[in-house]
Amino acid sequence: MPRSTSVQSIWRAVLAMALLLGLLLLATHSSSQTPLGTLGVFAFSLFISLGFLLFGRQSFPLAEQDTPSDTEHRA
């Protein structure tokens, strides 16, 4: 299913751009110029970065596909 793969790729790219835009808006806000605001921007960017690193490659199997354990015992 190449179409679902391209939709997923587009969705991931849009999500990444939205998160980066949110980080940019958070960083340019006047309250982020304080030490506590700087810590907040750092924590938000760390959260986003770790999320991409830990779960960026995670995918869920399609419901249509048979796993090898399902087909082993069929006669």
PDB file of N, CA and C in Angstrom:
ATOM      1  N   MET A   1       0.822  -1.179   0.000  1.00  0.00           N
ATOM      2  CA  MET A   1       0.000   0.000   0.000  1.00  0.00           C
ATOM      3  C   MET A   1       0.876   1.256   0.000  1.00  0.00           C
ATOM      4  N   PRO A   2       1.370   1.640  -1.144  1.00  0.00           N
ATOM      5  CA  PRO A   2       2.233   2.807  -1.224  1.00  0.00           C
ATOM      6  C   PRO A   2       1.520   4.106  -0.867  1.00  0.00           C
ATOM      7  N   ARG A   3       0.215   4.155  -1.102  1.00  0.00           N
ATOM      8  CA  ARG A   3      -0.492   5.404  -0.830  1.00  0.00           C
ATOM      9  C   ARG A   3      -0.516   5.702   0.660  1.00  0.00           C
ATOM     10  N   SER A   4      -0.759   4.694   1.504  1.00  0.00           N
ATOM     11  CA  SER A   4      -0.784   4.937   2.936  1.00  0.00           C
ATOM     12  C   SER A   4       0.590   5.322   3.460  1.00  0.00           C
ATOM     13  N   THR A   5       1.637   4.803   2.839  1.00  0.00           N
ATOM     14  CA  THR A   5       2.986   5.162   3.239  1.00  0.00           C
ATOM     15  C   THR A   5       3.267   6.624   2.915  1.00  0.00           C
ATOM     16  N   SER A   6       2.823   7.094   1.771  1.00  0.00           N
ATOM     17  CA  SER A   6       3.050   8.495   1.422  1.00  0.00           C
ATOM     18  C   SER A   6       2.221   9.418   2.302  1.00  0.00           C
ATOM     19  N   VAL A   7       1.021   9.000   2.661  1.00  0.00           N
ATOM     20  CA  VAL A   7       0.193   9.802   3.564  1.00  0.00           C
ATOM     21  C   VAL A   7       0.847   9.886   4.935  1.00  0.00           C
ATOM     22  N   GLN A   8       1.402   8.773   5.403  1.00  0.00           N
ATOM     23  CA  GLN A   8       2.089   8.775   6.688  1.00  0.00           C
ATOM     24  C   GLN A   8       3.313   9.675   6.647  1.00  0.00           C
ATOM     25  N   SER A   9       4.039   9.651   5.563  1.00  0.00           N
ATOM     26  CA  SER A   9       5.224  10.500   5.436  1.00  0.00           C
ATOM     27  C   SER A   9       4.849  11.968   5.436  1.00  0.00           C
ATOM     28  N   ILE A  10       3.794  12.296   4.724  1.00  0.00           N
ATOM     29  CA  ILE A  10       3.329  13.686   4.694  1.00  0.00           C
ATOM     30  C   ILE A  10       2.852  14.104   6.070  1.00  0.00           C
ATOM     31  N   TRP A  11       2.108  13.226   6.739  1.00  0.00           N
ATOM     32  CA  TRP A  11       1.593  13.536   8.075  1.00  0.00           C
ATOM     33  C   TRP A  11       2.748  13.776   9.050  1.00  0.00           C
ATOM     34  N   ARG A  12       3.788  12.938   8.994  1.00  0.00           N
ATOM     35  CA  ARG A  12       4.939  13.114   9.874  1.00  0.00           C
ATOM     36  C   ARG A  12       5.671  14.414   9.594  1.00  0.00           C
ATOM     37  N   ALA A  13       5.801  14.768   8.323  1.00  0.00           N
ATOM     38  CA  ALA A  13       6.470  16.016   7.967  1.00  0.00           C
ATOM     39  C   ALA A  13       5.671  17.224   8.451  1.00  0.00           C
ATOM     40  N   VAL A  14       4.351  17.167   8.300  1.00  0.00           N
ATOM     41  CA  VAL A  14       3.501  18.267   8.764  1.00  0.00           C
ATOM     42  C   VAL A  14       3.577  18.383  10.283  1.00  0.00           C
ATOM     43  N   LEU A  15       3.566  17.260  10.974  1.00  0.00           N
ATOM     44  CA  LEU A  15       3.661  17.272  12.432  1.00  0.00           C
ATOM     45  C   LEU A  15       5.002  17.847  12.888  1.00  0.00           C
ATOM     46  N   ALA A  16       6.075  17.453  12.234  1.00  0.00           N
ATOM     47  CA  ALA A  16       7.394  17.984  12.589  1.00  0.00           C
ATOM     48  C   ALA A  16       7.461  19.492  12.358  1.00  0.00           C
ATOM     49  N   MET A  17       6.919  19.942  11.236  1.00  0.00           N
ATOM     50  CA  MET A  17       6.919  21.387  10.958  1.00  0.00           C
ATOM     51  C   MET A  17       6.068  22.154  11.967  1.00  0.00           C
ATOM     52  N   ALA A  18       4.921  21.585  12.351  1.00  0.00           N
ATOM     53  CA  ALA A  18       4.062  22.245  13.334  1.00  0.00           C
ATOM     54  C   ALA A  18       4.758  22.334  14.693  1.00  0.00           C
ATOM     55  N   LEU A  19       5.447  21.282  15.081  1.00  0.00           N
ATOM     56  CA  LEU A  19       6.163  21.312  16.354  1.00  0.00           C
ATOM     57  C   LEU A  19       7.318  22.307  16.324  1.00  0.00           C
ATOM     58  N   LEU A  20       8.024  22.375  15.204  1.00  0.00           N
ATOM     59  CA  LEU A  20       9.107  23.354  15.090  1.00  0.00           C
ATOM     60  C   LEU A  20       8.569  24.787  15.075  1.00  0.00           C
ATOM     61  N   LEU A  21       7.433  24.991  14.428  1.00  0.00           N
ATOM     62  CA  LEU A  21       6.813  26.316  14.442  1.00  0.00           C
ATOM     63  C   LEU A  21       6.366  26.693  15.852  1.00  0.00           C
ATOM     64  N   GLY A  22       5.803  25.724  16.579  1.00  0.00           N
ATOM     65  CA  GLY A  22       5.422  25.976  17.965  1.00  0.00           C
ATOM     66  C   GLY A  22       6.617  26.324  18.823  1.00  0.00           C
ATOM     67  N   LEU A  23       7.723  25.645  18.616  1.00  0.00           N
ATOM     68  CA  LEU A  23       8.947  25.949  19.356  1.00  0.00           C
ATOM     69  C   LEU A  23       9.469  27.335  19.003  1.00  0.00           C
ATOM     70  N   LEU A  24       9.382  27.702  17.739  1.00  0.00           N
ATOM     71  CA  LEU A  24       9.818  29.040  17.313  1.00  0.00           C
ATOM     72  C   LEU A  24       8.947  30.118  17.947  1.00  0.00           C
ATOM     73  N   LEU A  25       7.638  29.916  17.936  1.00  0.00           N
ATOM     74  CA  LEU A  25       6.742  30.896  18.550  1.00  0.00           C
ATOM     75  C   LEU A  25       6.962  30.988  20.059  1.00  0.00           C
ATOM     76  N   LEU A  26       7.205  29.850  20.695  1.00  0.00           N
ATOM     77  CA  LEU A  26       7.480  29.846  22.126  1.00  0.00           C
ATOM     78  C   LEU A  26       8.789  30.573  22.426  1.00  0.00           C
ATOM     79  N   ALA A  27       9.785  30.394  21.586  1.00  0.00           N
ATOM     80  CA  ALA A  27      11.090  31.020  21.814  1.00  0.00           C
ATOM     81  C   ALA A  27      11.052  32.526  21.590  1.00  0.00           C
ATOM     82  N   THR A  28      10.197  33.009  20.689  1.00  0.00           N
ATOM     83  CA  THR A  28      10.152  34.442  20.414  1.00  0.00           C
ATOM     84  C   THR A  28       9.218  35.196  21.359  1.00  0.00           C
ATOM     85  N   HIS A  29       8.468  34.473  22.171  1.00  0.00           N
ATOM     86  CA  HIS A  29       7.559  35.125  23.118  1.00  0.00           C
ATOM     87  C   HIS A  29       8.377  35.838  24.189  1.00  0.00           C
ATOM     88  N   SER A  30       7.899  36.969  24.678  1.00  0.00           N
ATOM     89  CA  SER A  30       8.667  37.768  25.631  1.00  0.00           C
ATOM     90  C   SER A  30       8.877  37.069  26.966  1.00  0.00           C
ATOM     91  N   SER A  31       7.972  36.193  27.362  1.00  0.00           N
ATOM     92  CA  SER A  31       8.153  35.508  28.647  1.00  0.00           C
ATOM     93  C   SER A  31       9.252  34.455  28.593  1.00  0.00           C
ATOM     94  N   SER A  32       9.662  34.061  27.398  1.00  0.00           N
ATOM     95  CA  SER A  32      10.735  33.076  27.298  1.00  0.00           C
ATOM     96  C   SER A  32      12.111  33.717  27.415  1.00  0.00           C
ATOM     97  N   GLN A  33      12.172  35.020  27.555  1.00  0.00           N
ATOM     98  CA  GLN A  33      13.453  35.708  27.695  1.00  0.00           C
ATOM     99  C   GLN A  33      13.948  35.696  29.137  1.00  0.00           C
ATOM    100  N   THR A  34      13.146  35.181  30.052  1.00  0.00           N
ATOM    101  CA  THR A  34      13.548  35.061  31.452  1.00  0.00           C
ATOM    102  C   THR A  34      14.242  33.711  31.649  1.00  0.00           C
ATOM    103  N   PRO A  35      14.964  33.548  32.764  1.00  0.00           N
ATOM    104  CA  PRO A  35      15.604  32.233  33.007  1.00  0.00           C
ATOM    105  C   PRO A  35      14.588  31.083  33.073  1.00  0.00           C
ATOM    106  N   LEU A  36      13.443  31.309  33.669  1.00  0.00           N
ATOM    107  CA  LEU A  36      12.436  30.254  33.739  1.00  0.00           C
ATOM    108  C   LEU A  36      11.847  29.968  32.353  1.00  0.00           C
ATOM    109  N   GLY A  37      11.670  30.992  31.547  1.00  0.00           N
ATOM    110  CA  GLY A  37      11.183  30.798  30.188  1.00  0.00           C
ATOM    111  C   GLY A  37      12.183  30.052  29.323  1.00  0.00           C
ATOM    112  N   THR A  38      13.461  30.356  29.508  1.00  0.00           N
ATOM    113  CA  THR A  38      14.513  29.646  28.779  1.00  0.00           C
ATOM    114  C   THR A  38      14.522  28.170  29.158  1.00  0.00           C
ATOM    115  N   LEU A  39      14.335  27.897  30.430  1.00  0.00           N
ATOM    116  CA  LEU A  39      14.259  26.511  30.883  1.00  0.00           C
ATOM    117  C   LEU A  39      13.041  25.811  30.281  1.00  0.00           C
ATOM    118  N   GLY A  40      11.930  26.517  30.162  1.00  0.00           N
ATOM    119  CA  GLY A  40      10.735  25.957  29.543  1.00  0.00           C
ATOM    120  C   GLY A  40      10.939  25.625  28.071  1.00  0.00           C
ATOM    121  N   VAL A  41      11.595  26.521  27.335  1.00  0.00           N
ATOM    122  CA  VAL A  41      11.891  26.268  25.917  1.00  0.00           C
ATOM    123  C   VAL A  41      12.822  25.070  25.786  1.00  0.00           C
ATOM    124  N   PHE A  42      13.812  25.000  26.665  1.00  0.00           N
ATOM    125  CA  PHE A  42      14.731  23.861  26.637  1.00  0.00           C
ATOM    126  C   PHE A  42      13.994  22.556  26.938  1.00  0.00           C
ATOM    127  N   ALA A  43      13.122  22.562  27.942  1.00  0.00           N
ATOM    128  CA  ALA A  43      12.379  21.351  28.301  1.00  0.00           C
ATOM    129  C   ALA A  43      11.449  20.920  27.166  1.00  0.00           C
ATOM    130  N   PHE A  44      10.788  21.872  26.518  1.00  0.00           N
ATOM    131  CA  PHE A  44       9.901  21.551  25.409  1.00  0.00           C
ATOM    132  C   PHE A  44      10.676  20.969  24.238  1.00  0.00           C
ATOM    133  N   SER A  45      11.808  21.565  23.913  1.00  0.00           N
ATOM    134  CA  SER A  45      12.607  21.054  22.787  1.00  0.00           C
ATOM    135  C   SER A  45      13.211  19.691  23.118  1.00  0.00           C
ATOM    136  N   LEU A  46      13.585  19.466  24.369  1.00  0.00           N
ATOM    137  CA  LEU A  46      14.097  18.162  24.773  1.00  0.00           C
ATOM    138  C   LEU A  46      13.007  17.103  24.676  1.00  0.00           C
ATOM    139  N   PHE A  47      11.794  17.442  25.088  1.00  0.00           N
ATOM    140  CA  PHE A  47      10.656  16.531  25.003  1.00  0.00           C
ATOM    141  C   PHE A  47      10.375  16.143  23.552  1.00  0.00           C
ATOM    142  N   ILE A  48      10.362  17.118  22.667  1.00  0.00           N
ATOM    143  CA  ILE A  48      10.100  16.862  21.253  1.00  0.00           C
ATOM    144  C   ILE A  48      11.234  16.029  20.644  1.00  0.00           C
ATOM    145  N   SER A  49      12.469  16.373  20.949  1.00  0.00           N
ATOM    146  CA  SER A  49      13.607  15.644  20.386  1.00  0.00           C
ATOM    147  C   SER A  49      13.625  14.195  20.845  1.00  0.00           C
ATOM    148  N   LEU A  50      13.405  13.969  22.119  1.00  0.00           N
ATOM    149  CA  LEU A  50      13.389  12.598  22.619  1.00  0.00           C
ATOM    150  C   LEU A  50      12.222  11.811  22.042  1.00  0.00           C
ATOM    151  N   GLY A  51      11.097  12.468  21.850  1.00  0.00           N
ATOM    152  CA  GLY A  51       9.961  11.789  21.239  1.00  0.00           C
ATOM    153  C   GLY A  51      10.271  11.320  19.832  1.00  0.00           C
ATOM    154  N   PHE A  52      10.924  12.167  19.049  1.00  0.00           N
ATOM    155  CA  PHE A  52      11.291  11.764  17.696  1.00  0.00           C
ATOM    156  C   PHE A  52      12.334  10.658  17.706  1.00  0.00           C
ATOM    157  N   LEU A  53      13.289  10.747  18.628  1.00  0.00           N
ATOM    158  CA  LEU A  53      14.324   9.719  18.682  1.00  0.00           C
ATOM    159  C   LEU A  53      13.776   8.372  19.143  1.00  0.00           C
ATOM    160  N   LEU A  54      12.903   8.390  20.134  1.00  0.00           N
ATOM    161  CA  LEU A  54      12.406   7.137  20.693  1.00  0.00           C
ATOM    162  C   LEU A  54      11.285   6.513  19.877  1.00  0.00           C
ATOM    163  N   PHE A  55      10.403   7.333  19.324  1.00  0.00           N
ATOM    164  CA  PHE A  55       9.210   6.804  18.674  1.00  0.00           C
ATOM    165  C   PHE A  55       9.118   7.137  17.194  1.00  0.00           C
ATOM    166  N   GLY A  56      10.136   7.719  16.611  1.00  0.00           N
ATOM    167  CA  GLY A  56      10.096   8.105  15.209  1.00  0.00           C
ATOM    168  C   GLY A  56      10.021   6.948  14.243  1.00  0.00           C
ATOM    169  N   ARG A  57      10.609   5.827  14.586  1.00  0.00           N
ATOM    170  CA  ARG A  57      10.611   4.653  13.712  1.00  0.00           C
ATOM    171  C   ARG A  57       9.521   3.653  14.066  1.00  0.00           C
ATOM    172  N   GLN A  58       8.746   3.945  15.089  1.00  0.00           N
ATOM    173  CA  GLN A  58       7.718   3.005  15.526  1.00  0.00           C
ATOM    174  C   GLN A  58       6.588   2.961  14.500  1.00  0.00           C
ATOM    175  N   SER A  59       6.175   1.765  14.158  1.00  0.00           N
ATOM    176  CA  SER A  59       5.050   1.610  13.241  1.00  0.00           C
ATOM    177  C   SER A  59       4.199   0.454  13.725  1.00  0.00           C
ATOM    178  N   PHE A  60       2.968   0.482  13.364  1.00  0.00           N
ATOM    179  CA  PHE A  60       2.028  -0.538  13.786  1.00  0.00           C
ATOM    180  C   PHE A  60       1.725  -1.450  12.607  1.00  0.00           C
ATOM    181  N   PRO A  61       1.640  -2.749  12.832  1.00  0.00           N
ATOM    182  CA  PRO A  61       1.373  -3.664  11.720  1.00  0.00           C
ATOM    183  C   PRO A  61      -0.031  -3.466  11.175  1.00  0.00           C
ATOM    184  N   LEU A  62      -0.166  -3.706   9.893  1.00  0.00           N
ATOM    185  CA  LEU A  62      -1.469  -3.598   9.260  1.00  0.00           C
ATOM    186  C   LEU A  62      -2.347  -4.764   9.691  1.00  0.00           C
ATOM    187  N   ALA A  63      -3.639  -4.536   9.793  1.00  0.00           N
ATOM    188  CA  ALA A  63      -4.554  -5.575  10.248  1.00  0.00           C
ATOM    189  C   ALA A  63      -4.696  -6.690   9.217  1.00  0.00           C
ATOM    190  N   GLU A  64      -4.467  -6.399   7.942  1.00  0.00           N
ATOM    191  CA  GLU A  64      -4.652  -7.384   6.883  1.00  0.00           C
ATOM    192  C   GLU A  64      -3.545  -8.424   6.839  1.00  0.00           C
ATOM    193  N   GLN A  65      -2.371  -8.104   7.311  1.00  0.00           N
ATOM    194  CA  GLN A  65      -1.231  -8.988   7.194  1.00  0.00           C
ATOM    195  C   GLN A  65      -1.316 -10.125   8.213  1.00  0.00           C
ATOM    196  N   ASP A  66      -0.970 -11.316   7.777  1.00  0.00           N
ATOM    197  CA  ASP A  66      -0.880 -12.458   8.678  1.00  0.00           C
ATOM    198  C   ASP A  66       0.527 -12.519   9.247  1.00  0.00           C
ATOM    199  N   THR A  67       0.627 -12.767  10.515  1.00  0.00           N
ATOM    200  CA  THR A  67       1.932 -12.964  11.113  1.00  0.00           C
ATOM    201  C   THR A  67       2.318 -14.425  10.951  1.00  0.00           C
ATOM    202  N   PRO A  68       3.582 -14.770  11.001  1.00  0.00           N
ATOM    203  CA  PRO A  68       3.994 -16.170  10.832  1.00  0.00           C
ATOM    204  C   PRO A  68       3.362 -17.113  11.858  1.00  0.00           C
ATOM    205  N   SER A  69       3.112 -16.650  13.061  1.00  0.00           N
ATOM    206  CA  SER A  69       2.512 -17.516  14.069  1.00  0.00           C
ATOM    207  C   SER A  69       1.069 -17.846  13.728  1.00  0.00           C
ATOM    208  N   ASP A  70       0.384 -16.963  12.971  1.00  0.00           N
ATOM    209  CA  ASP A  70      -0.993 -17.242  12.567  1.00  0.00           C
ATOM    210  C   ASP A  70      -1.062 -18.302  11.461  1.00  0.00           C
ATOM    211  N   THR A  71      -0.057 -18.325  10.605  1.00  0.00           N
ATOM    212  CA  THR A  71      -0.093 -19.234   9.462  1.00  0.00           C
ATOM    213  C   THR A  71       0.599 -20.566   9.716  1.00  0.00           C
ATOM    214  N   GLU A  72       1.292 -20.712  10.837  1.00  0.00           N
ATOM    215  CA  GLU A  72       2.029 -21.945  11.111  1.00  0.00           C
ATOM    216  C   GLU A  72       1.106 -23.161  11.255  1.00  0.00           C
ATOM    217  N   HIS A  73       0.009 -23.021  11.955  1.00  0.00           N
ATOM    218  CA  HIS A  73      -0.815 -24.153  12.319  1.00  0.00           C
ATOM    219  C   HIS A  73      -2.034 -24.357  11.425  1.00  0.00           C
ATOM    220  N   ARG A  74      -2.098 -23.617  10.349  1.00  0.00           N
ATOM    221  CA  ARG A  74      -3.218 -23.786   9.431  1.00  0.00           C
ATOM    222  C   ARG A  74      -2.973 -25.011   8.552  1.00  0.00           C
ATOM    223  N   ALA A  75      -4.040 -25.733   8.292  1.00  0.00           N
ATOM    224  CA  ALA A  75      -3.882 -26.941   7.454  1.00  0.00           C
ATOM    225  C   ALA A  75      -4.406 -26.725   6.057  1.00  0.00           C
TER     226      ALA A  75
END
